Amino acid sequence: MKFFNNDADKLLKIIKARRDVRGNRFIDKPIEDDKLQMILEAGISAPSVGYSQPWRFVVIKDTTIKKALVENFSQENEKAKNIFKERPLYERLKLEGINEAPVNIAVLYEPKEDAVLGMTSMQKMGEYSVVCAVQNMWLMARALNIGIGWVSILDEKKVLHTLQAKPNTQLIAYLCVGYVDKFYEESELKTLGWDREKLLEECVTFK
């Protein structure tokens, strides 16, 4: 398969346009089955250590499960509010869209029982492989003008219990997926002044 310079330009544009979508941006519009399939296929097309493909994707539309996850978030968010009590902005942030998004996807890591090529020294490579799948999904969703929000203010053990996940499974990402009213031109947290954007020269060292 041959690629051209304009393909690279389009990819970089999609990468730079990716946003973490908050719950107040989702609209009441279902995701087409074929587009959801494309997002999931992008996920399983990610690189994985030792070709282990250790991911599992749980697609959630069930309102009972969503309700349990919202309660989980609310409990954990109360703890976070105490941590960030010196930063009033935190109270104003909408940090999940579990109910608002038509689809939630829990991205799980299912470790293999046998040794995995490439993981004998760096055990975390399995989890990192699943993170690559999440990034693929995020970029595909953005290319389809579908938003994704990553909810990390959750008790992992409770999420896995709610989803009846297999033993030893890990929760890597809980994603809220759906169409949005708009995408911000820049990161919302950058725009609100939560933190500043790092420059490329701050992140690169040559030796």
Protein backbone atom coordinates (compact mmCIF):
# COMPACT_ATOMS: atom_id res chain seq x y z
CA MET A 1 0.00 0.00 0.00
CA LYS A 2 1.54 3.27 -1.12
CA PHE A 3 0.98 6.55 0.70
CA PHE A 4 1.55 10.12 -0.42
CA ASN A 5 2.48 13.39 1.23
CA ASN A 6 -1.13 14.56 1.37
CA ASP A 7 -2.00 11.44 3.41
CA ALA A 8 0.60 12.45 5.99
CA ASP A 9 -0.77 16.00 6.03
CA LYS A 10 -4.30 14.70 6.64
CA LEU A 11 -3.12 12.41 9.43
CA LEU A 12 -1.26 15.21 11.19
CA LYS A 13 -4.34 17.43 10.87
CA ILE A 14 -6.51 14.73 12.48
CA ILE A 15 -3.96 14.21 15.26
CA LYS A 16 -3.86 17.94 16.03
CA ALA A 17 -7.67 18.18 15.91
CA ARG A 18 -8.23 15.35 18.40
CA ARG A 19 -9.96 16.52 21.58
CA ASP A 20 -11.01 15.01 24.89
CA VAL A 21 -14.76 15.64 24.76
CA ARG A 22 -16.68 16.61 27.89
CA GLY A 23 -20.20 15.46 28.63
CA ASN A 24 -21.74 18.86 27.89
CA ARG A 25 -20.72 18.61 24.23
CA PHE A 26 -22.50 15.36 23.27
CA ILE A 27 -25.74 15.59 21.30
CA ASP A 28 -28.70 13.22 21.04
CA LYS A 29 -27.71 11.43 17.84
CA PRO A 30 -26.98 7.70 17.60
CA ILE A 31 -23.72 6.42 16.15
CA GLU A 32 -24.19 4.42 12.95
CA ASP A 33 -23.23 0.76 13.27
CA ASP A 34 -20.72 0.95 10.42
CA LYS A 35 -18.93 3.91 12.01
CA LEU A 36 -18.79 2.22 15.40
CA GLN A 37 -17.34 -0.80 13.60
CA MET A 38 -14.65 1.41 12.04
CA ILE A 39 -13.67 2.79 15.45
CA LEU A 40 -13.38 -0.72 16.89
CA GLU A 41 -11.42 -1.96 13.86
CA ALA A 42 -9.01 0.93 14.31
CA GLY A 43 -8.52 -0.28 17.88
CA ILE A 44 -7.65 -3.86 16.97
CA SER A 45 -5.29 -2.60 14.27
CA ALA A 46 -2.95 -1.13 16.88
CA PRO A 47 0.55 -2.50 17.42
CA SER A 48 0.92 -4.92 20.34
CA VAL A 49 3.96 -6.37 22.07
CA GLY A 50 4.76 -9.86 20.81
CA TYR A 51 1.60 -9.70 18.66
CA SER A 52 -0.26 -10.47 21.89
CA GLN A 53 -3.34 -8.34 21.06
CA PRO A 54 -4.26 -8.23 24.76
CA TRP A 55 -7.28 -5.96 24.44
CA ARG A 56 -10.99 -6.40 24.95
CA PHE A 57 -13.61 -3.79 24.12
CA VAL A 58 -16.89 -3.74 26.06
CA VAL A 59 -19.48 -1.64 24.20
CA ILE A 60 -22.00 -0.27 26.68
CA LYS A 61 -25.42 1.18 25.96
CA ASP A 62 -27.25 -0.33 28.94
CA THR A 63 -28.68 2.41 31.20
CA THR A 64 -28.29 0.33 34.38
CA ILE A 65 -24.58 -0.10 33.79
CA LYS A 66 -24.24 3.58 32.95
CA LYS A 67 -26.01 4.50 36.19
CA ALA A 68 -23.56 2.40 38.20
CA LEU A 69 -20.63 4.06 36.44
CA VAL A 70 -22.02 7.56 37.10
CA GLU A 71 -22.30 6.70 40.81
CA ASN A 72 -18.73 5.37 40.71
CA PHE A 73 -17.52 8.62 39.13
CA SER A 74 -19.42 10.80 41.60
CA GLN A 75 -17.84 9.06 44.58
CA GLU A 76 -14.34 9.34 43.16
CA ASN A 77 -14.89 12.92 42.03
CA GLU A 78 -15.70 13.98 45.60
CA LYS A 79 -12.23 12.77 46.59
CA ALA A 80 -10.67 14.67 43.67
CA LYS A 81 -12.50 17.88 44.63
CA ASN A 82 -10.76 17.74 48.00
CA ILE A 83 -7.37 17.29 46.33
CA PHE A 84 -7.95 20.30 44.06
CA LYS A 85 -9.76 22.45 46.64
CA GLU A 86 -7.22 25.26 46.08
CA ARG A 87 -8.18 25.39 42.39
CA PRO A 88 -11.81 26.64 42.08
CA LEU A 89 -11.83 25.89 38.35
CA TYR A 90 -12.08 22.17 39.13
CA GLU A 91 -15.64 22.54 40.44
CA ARG A 92 -16.75 24.02 37.11
CA LEU A 93 -15.32 21.28 34.91
CA LYS A 94 -17.65 18.70 33.37
CA LEU A 95 -15.38 15.65 33.54
CA GLU A 96 -17.56 12.82 32.23
CA GLY A 97 -20.31 12.17 29.71
CA ILE A 98 -21.38 8.68 30.67
CA ASN A 99 -25.12 9.31 30.35
CA GLU A 100 -24.89 11.97 27.65
CA ALA A 101 -22.87 9.83 25.22
CA PRO A 102 -24.95 7.22 23.35
CA VAL A 103 -22.12 4.69 23.55
CA ASN A 104 -19.55 3.94 26.24
CA ILE A 105 -16.59 1.66 25.56
CA ALA A 106 -14.55 0.08 28.34
CA VAL A 107 -11.12 -0.85 26.99
CA LEU A 108 -9.66 -3.71 29.00
CA TYR A 109 -6.27 -5.39 29.21
CA GLU A 110 -6.41 -9.19 29.42
CA PRO A 111 -2.91 -10.50 30.20
CA LYS A 112 -1.83 -13.83 28.78
CA GLU A 113 -0.92 -16.68 31.12
CA ASP A 114 2.12 -17.66 29.05
CA ALA A 115 5.25 -15.58 28.57
CA VAL A 116 4.91 -12.90 25.89
CA LEU A 117 7.69 -11.99 23.51
CA GLY A 118 8.94 -8.50 24.41
CA MET A 119 7.49 -8.51 27.94
CA THR A 120 10.17 -10.53 29.72
CA SER A 121 11.93 -7.35 30.88
CA MET A 122 9.24 -4.66 30.61
CA GLN A 123 5.98 -6.02 31.98
CA LYS A 124 4.04 -2.82 31.30
CA MET A 125 4.33 -3.29 27.52
CA GLY A 126 1.04 -5.19 27.55
CA GLU A 127 -0.85 -2.23 29.00
CA TYR A 128 0.98 0.15 26.66
CA SER A 129 -0.22 -1.91 23.71
CA VAL A 130 -3.82 -1.36 24.79
CA VAL A 131 -3.16 2.37 25.11
CA CYS A 132 -2.06 2.32 21.45
CA ALA A 133 -5.47 0.82 20.62
CA VAL A 134 -7.19 3.66 22.49
CA GLN A 135 -5.26 6.27 20.52
CA ASN A 136 -6.19 4.57 17.25
CA MET A 137 -9.86 4.64 18.23
CA TRP A 138 -9.66 8.29 19.22
CA LEU A 139 -8.13 9.32 15.90
CA MET A 140 -10.58 7.29 13.84
CA ALA A 141 -13.48 8.78 15.77
CA ARG A 142 -12.17 12.30 15.11
CA ALA A 143 -11.80 11.51 11.40
CA LEU A 144 -15.50 10.54 11.47
CA ASN A 145 -16.42 13.74 13.38
CA ILE A 146 -17.35 11.65 16.40
CA GLY A 147 -16.16 12.73 19.83
CA ILE A 148 -14.50 10.65 22.54
CA GLY A 149 -14.01 11.54 26.19
CA TRP A 150 -11.72 9.47 28.41
CA VAL A 151 -13.07 9.13 31.96
CA SER A 152 -10.34 8.28 34.45
CA ILE A 153 -11.93 9.44 37.71
CA LEU A 154 -13.24 5.97 38.49
CA ASP A 155 -12.58 3.17 40.93
CA GLU A 156 -11.10 0.51 38.66
CA LYS A 157 -12.10 -2.49 40.78
CA LYS A 158 -15.72 -1.35 40.94
CA VAL A 159 -15.82 -0.80 37.18
CA LEU A 160 -14.50 -4.31 36.53
CA HIS A 161 -17.05 -5.74 38.98
CA THR A 162 -19.89 -3.85 37.27
CA LEU A 163 -18.76 -5.20 33.89
CA GLN A 164 -18.28 -8.73 35.27
CA ALA A 165 -14.80 -8.79 33.78
CA LYS A 166 -12.59 -11.86 33.94
CA PRO A 167 -10.10 -12.20 36.84
CA ASN A 168 -6.76 -10.39 36.36
CA THR A 169 -8.31 -8.03 33.81
CA GLN A 170 -7.29 -4.37 34.04
CA LEU A 171 -9.27 -1.30 33.05
CA ILE A 172 -7.14 0.82 30.73
CA ALA A 173 -9.73 3.34 29.50
CA TYR A 174 -13.40 4.16 29.92
CA LEU A 175 -14.51 6.07 26.83
CA CYS A 176 -17.65 8.11 26.20
CA VAL A 177 -18.38 8.13 22.47
CA GLY A 178 -20.85 10.18 20.43
CA TYR A 179 -21.53 13.04 18.08
CA VAL A 180 -20.91 16.52 19.51
CA ASP A 181 -22.21 20.03 18.92
CA LYS A 182 -18.68 21.26 18.30
CA PHE A 183 -14.99 20.48 18.72
CA TYR A 184 -12.83 23.07 20.43
CA GLU A 185 -10.08 24.63 18.34
CA GLU A 186 -7.66 23.96 21.19
CA SER A 187 -7.65 21.81 24.31
CA GLU A 188 -10.37 22.98 26.69
CA LEU A 189 -8.02 22.81 29.68
CA LYS A 190 -5.47 24.91 27.79
CA THR A 191 -8.16 27.47 26.92
CA LEU A 192 -9.36 27.61 30.54
CA GLY A 193 -5.81 28.06 31.80
CA TRP A 194 -5.55 24.79 33.75
CA ASP A 195 -2.03 24.31 32.38
CA ARG A 196 0.12 25.61 29.55
CA GLU A 197 1.06 23.79 26.37
CA LYS A 198 4.61 22.46 26.23
CA LEU A 199 6.75 23.47 23.27
CA LEU A 200 8.40 20.82 21.14
CA GLU A 201 11.90 21.90 22.19
CA GLU A 202 10.96 21.30 25.84
CA CYS A 203 10.13 17.67 25.13
CA VAL A 204 13.02 16.59 22.86
CA THR A 205 16.61 15.80 23.81
CA PHE A 206 19.30 14.92 21.29
CA LYS A 207 22.33 12.85 22.37
